[in-house]
Amino acid sequence: MTNLLTPSSIHCPYCGEKLAILIDGSAGNQDYVEDCQVCCSPIDISVQIDSAGQIVDIRSKRDTD
């Protein structure tokens, strides 16, 4: 079985730090909340995955936006 965990990065919409995240391509499109590793603020993360399990788009925003 192919490992579909893909390393990626986002910027925290609160403190601006670049954060490393892992995206599971086998899970399809995803919307979840992950706390910033630096300032601990909740980040809404949206990931779009194509039919081959490849990342199409990653968006991060404040949980209040």
N, C-alpha and C. Protein backbone atom coordinates (compact mmCIF):
# COMPACT_ATOMS: atom_id res chain seq x y z
N MET A 1 0.83 -1.18 0.00
CA MET A 1 0.00 0.00 0.00
C MET A 1 0.88 1.25 0.00
N THR A 2 0.49 2.25 -0.75
CA THR A 2 1.24 3.49 -0.86
C THR A 2 0.97 4.38 0.33
N ASN A 3 2.03 5.01 0.83
CA ASN A 3 1.88 5.96 1.93
C ASN A 3 1.36 7.27 1.35
N LEU A 4 0.17 7.68 1.74
CA LEU A 4 -0.42 8.90 1.22
C LEU A 4 -0.27 10.07 2.18
N LEU A 5 0.56 9.94 3.22
CA LEU A 5 0.83 11.08 4.09
C LEU A 5 1.82 11.99 3.39
N THR A 6 1.39 13.22 3.16
CA THR A 6 2.21 14.19 2.42
C THR A 6 2.58 15.35 3.33
N PRO A 7 3.89 15.59 3.51
CA PRO A 7 4.29 16.74 4.28
C PRO A 7 3.93 18.03 3.53
N SER A 8 3.45 19.00 4.24
CA SER A 8 3.09 20.28 3.65
C SER A 8 3.32 21.36 4.69
N SER A 9 3.05 22.60 4.32
CA SER A 9 3.19 23.67 5.29
C SER A 9 2.10 24.71 5.08
N ILE A 10 1.78 25.39 6.17
CA ILE A 10 0.82 26.48 6.15
C ILE A 10 1.40 27.60 7.00
N HIS A 11 0.80 28.76 6.93
CA HIS A 11 1.16 29.86 7.83
C HIS A 11 0.02 30.08 8.80
N CYS A 12 0.36 30.26 10.06
CA CYS A 12 -0.66 30.54 11.07
C CYS A 12 -1.28 31.90 10.79
N PRO A 13 -2.61 31.96 10.70
CA PRO A 13 -3.27 33.24 10.43
C PRO A 13 -3.26 34.19 11.63
N TYR A 14 -2.78 33.73 12.77
CA TYR A 14 -2.69 34.56 13.97
C TYR A 14 -1.29 35.15 14.13
N CYS A 15 -0.27 34.29 14.19
CA CYS A 15 1.09 34.76 14.48
C CYS A 15 1.98 34.80 13.24
N GLY A 16 1.53 34.19 12.14
CA GLY A 16 2.29 34.24 10.90
C GLY A 16 3.39 33.20 10.75
N GLU A 17 3.60 32.38 11.77
CA GLU A 17 4.65 31.36 11.70
C GLU A 17 4.33 30.30 10.64
N LYS A 18 5.37 29.81 9.98
CA LYS A 18 5.22 28.71 9.03
C LYS A 18 5.19 27.41 9.83
N LEU A 19 4.18 26.59 9.58
CA LEU A 19 3.97 25.35 10.33
C LEU A 19 4.01 24.14 9.41
N ALA A 20 4.65 23.09 9.85
CA ALA A 20 4.69 21.83 9.11
C ALA A 20 3.48 20.99 9.51
N ILE A 21 2.76 20.46 8.51
CA ILE A 21 1.62 19.57 8.77
C ILE A 21 1.74 18.36 7.85
N LEU A 22 1.05 17.29 8.20
CA LEU A 22 0.95 16.10 7.37
C LEU A 22 -0.48 15.98 6.87
N ILE A 23 -0.65 15.77 5.58
CA ILE A 23 -1.96 15.61 4.97
C ILE A 23 -2.13 14.16 4.55
N ASP A 24 -3.23 13.54 4.96
CA ASP A 24 -3.55 12.16 4.57
C ASP A 24 -4.38 12.19 3.30
N GLY A 25 -3.76 11.92 2.16
CA GLY A 25 -4.43 11.94 0.87
C GLY A 25 -5.51 10.88 0.71
N SER A 26 -5.44 9.81 1.51
CA SER A 26 -6.44 8.74 1.40
C SER A 26 -7.76 9.13 2.05
N ALA A 27 -7.78 10.22 2.82
CA ALA A 27 -8.99 10.63 3.54
C ALA A 27 -9.91 11.53 2.71
N GLY A 28 -9.50 11.90 1.51
CA GLY A 28 -10.33 12.77 0.67
C GLY A 28 -10.30 14.20 1.19
N ASN A 29 -11.27 14.99 0.75
CA ASN A 29 -11.35 16.39 1.19
C ASN A 29 -11.53 16.44 2.70
N GLN A 30 -10.90 17.43 3.33
CA GLN A 30 -10.89 17.50 4.78
C GLN A 30 -11.10 18.93 5.26
N ASP A 31 -11.82 19.08 6.34
CA ASP A 31 -11.97 20.33 7.08
C ASP A 31 -11.77 19.98 8.54
N TYR A 32 -10.76 20.58 9.16
CA TYR A 32 -10.50 20.28 10.56
C TYR A 32 -9.83 21.46 11.24
N VAL A 33 -9.75 21.41 12.56
CA VAL A 33 -9.11 22.45 13.36
C VAL A 33 -7.85 21.86 13.97
N GLU A 34 -6.76 22.61 13.85
CA GLU A 34 -5.49 22.22 14.46
C GLU A 34 -4.92 23.44 15.16
N ASP A 35 -4.43 23.25 16.38
CA ASP A 35 -3.84 24.36 17.11
C ASP A 35 -2.46 24.69 16.56
N CYS A 36 -2.16 25.99 16.50
CA CYS A 36 -0.84 26.45 16.09
C CYS A 36 0.20 25.90 17.06
N GLN A 37 1.32 25.41 16.53
CA GLN A 37 2.38 24.84 17.34
C GLN A 37 3.16 25.92 18.09
N VAL A 38 2.97 27.19 17.68
CA VAL A 38 3.71 28.29 18.29
C VAL A 38 2.84 29.08 19.27
N CYS A 39 1.70 29.59 18.79
CA CYS A 39 0.86 30.46 19.63
C CYS A 39 -0.37 29.76 20.21
N CYS A 40 -0.60 28.51 19.85
CA CYS A 40 -1.68 27.67 20.36
C CYS A 40 -3.09 28.12 19.95
N SER A 41 -3.20 29.01 18.99
CA SER A 41 -4.52 29.45 18.51
C SER A 41 -5.11 28.40 17.56
N PRO A 42 -6.44 28.25 17.55
CA PRO A 42 -7.08 27.26 16.69
C PRO A 42 -7.13 27.72 15.23
N ILE A 43 -6.62 26.89 14.33
CA ILE A 43 -6.59 27.20 12.91
C ILE A 43 -7.57 26.28 12.18
N ASP A 44 -8.48 26.86 11.40
CA ASP A 44 -9.36 26.08 10.53
C ASP A 44 -8.57 25.74 9.27
N ILE A 45 -8.44 24.46 8.98
CA ILE A 45 -7.69 24.00 7.82
C ILE A 45 -8.64 23.27 6.89
N SER A 46 -8.62 23.65 5.61
CA SER A 46 -9.41 22.99 4.57
C SER A 46 -8.46 22.45 3.52
N VAL A 47 -8.64 21.18 3.18
CA VAL A 47 -7.76 20.52 2.22
C VAL A 47 -8.63 19.91 1.12
N GLN A 48 -8.27 20.17 -0.12
CA GLN A 48 -8.94 19.54 -1.25
C GLN A 48 -7.97 18.52 -1.86
N ILE A 49 -8.49 17.31 -2.05
CA ILE A 49 -7.71 16.18 -2.58
C ILE A 49 -8.35 15.71 -3.88
N ASP A 50 -7.54 15.42 -4.90
CA ASP A 50 -8.11 14.91 -6.15
C ASP A 50 -8.31 13.40 -6.06
N SER A 51 -8.82 12.80 -7.12
CA SER A 51 -9.15 11.37 -7.11
C SER A 51 -7.92 10.47 -7.01
N ALA A 52 -6.74 11.01 -7.30
CA ALA A 52 -5.50 10.25 -7.19
C ALA A 52 -4.85 10.39 -5.82
N GLY A 53 -5.50 11.15 -4.92
CA GLY A 53 -4.95 11.34 -3.58
C GLY A 53 -3.94 12.47 -3.50
N GLN A 54 -3.86 13.29 -4.53
CA GLN A 54 -2.93 14.42 -4.55
C GLN A 54 -3.59 15.68 -4.00
N ILE A 55 -2.81 16.49 -3.31
CA ILE A 55 -3.32 17.73 -2.74
C ILE A 55 -3.54 18.74 -3.87
N VAL A 56 -4.76 19.28 -3.92
CA VAL A 56 -5.11 20.31 -4.90
C VAL A 56 -4.98 21.69 -4.27
N ASP A 57 -5.44 21.83 -3.01
CA ASP A 57 -5.45 23.13 -2.35
C ASP A 57 -5.46 22.94 -0.84
N ILE A 58 -4.74 23.83 -0.14
CA ILE A 58 -4.77 23.87 1.33
C ILE A 58 -5.03 25.31 1.71
N ARG A 59 -6.01 25.52 2.59
CA ARG A 59 -6.32 26.86 3.08
C ARG A 59 -6.36 26.84 4.59
N SER A 60 -5.80 27.89 5.17
CA SER A 60 -5.85 28.04 6.63
C SER A 60 -6.41 29.40 6.95
N LYS A 61 -7.26 29.44 7.98
CA LYS A 61 -7.87 30.71 8.39
C LYS A 61 -8.15 30.68 9.88
N ARG A 62 -8.41 31.86 10.41
CA ARG A 62 -8.79 31.95 11.82
C ARG A 62 -10.12 31.25 12.02
N ASP A 63 -10.35 30.70 13.19
CA ASP A 63 -11.61 30.01 13.45
C ASP A 63 -12.78 30.98 13.54
N THR A 64 -12.50 32.27 13.63
CA THR A 64 -13.57 33.27 13.71
C THR A 64 -13.91 33.88 12.35
N ASP A 65 -13.16 33.54 11.30
CA ASP A 65 -13.42 34.09 9.95
C ASP A 65 -14.58 33.39 9.28
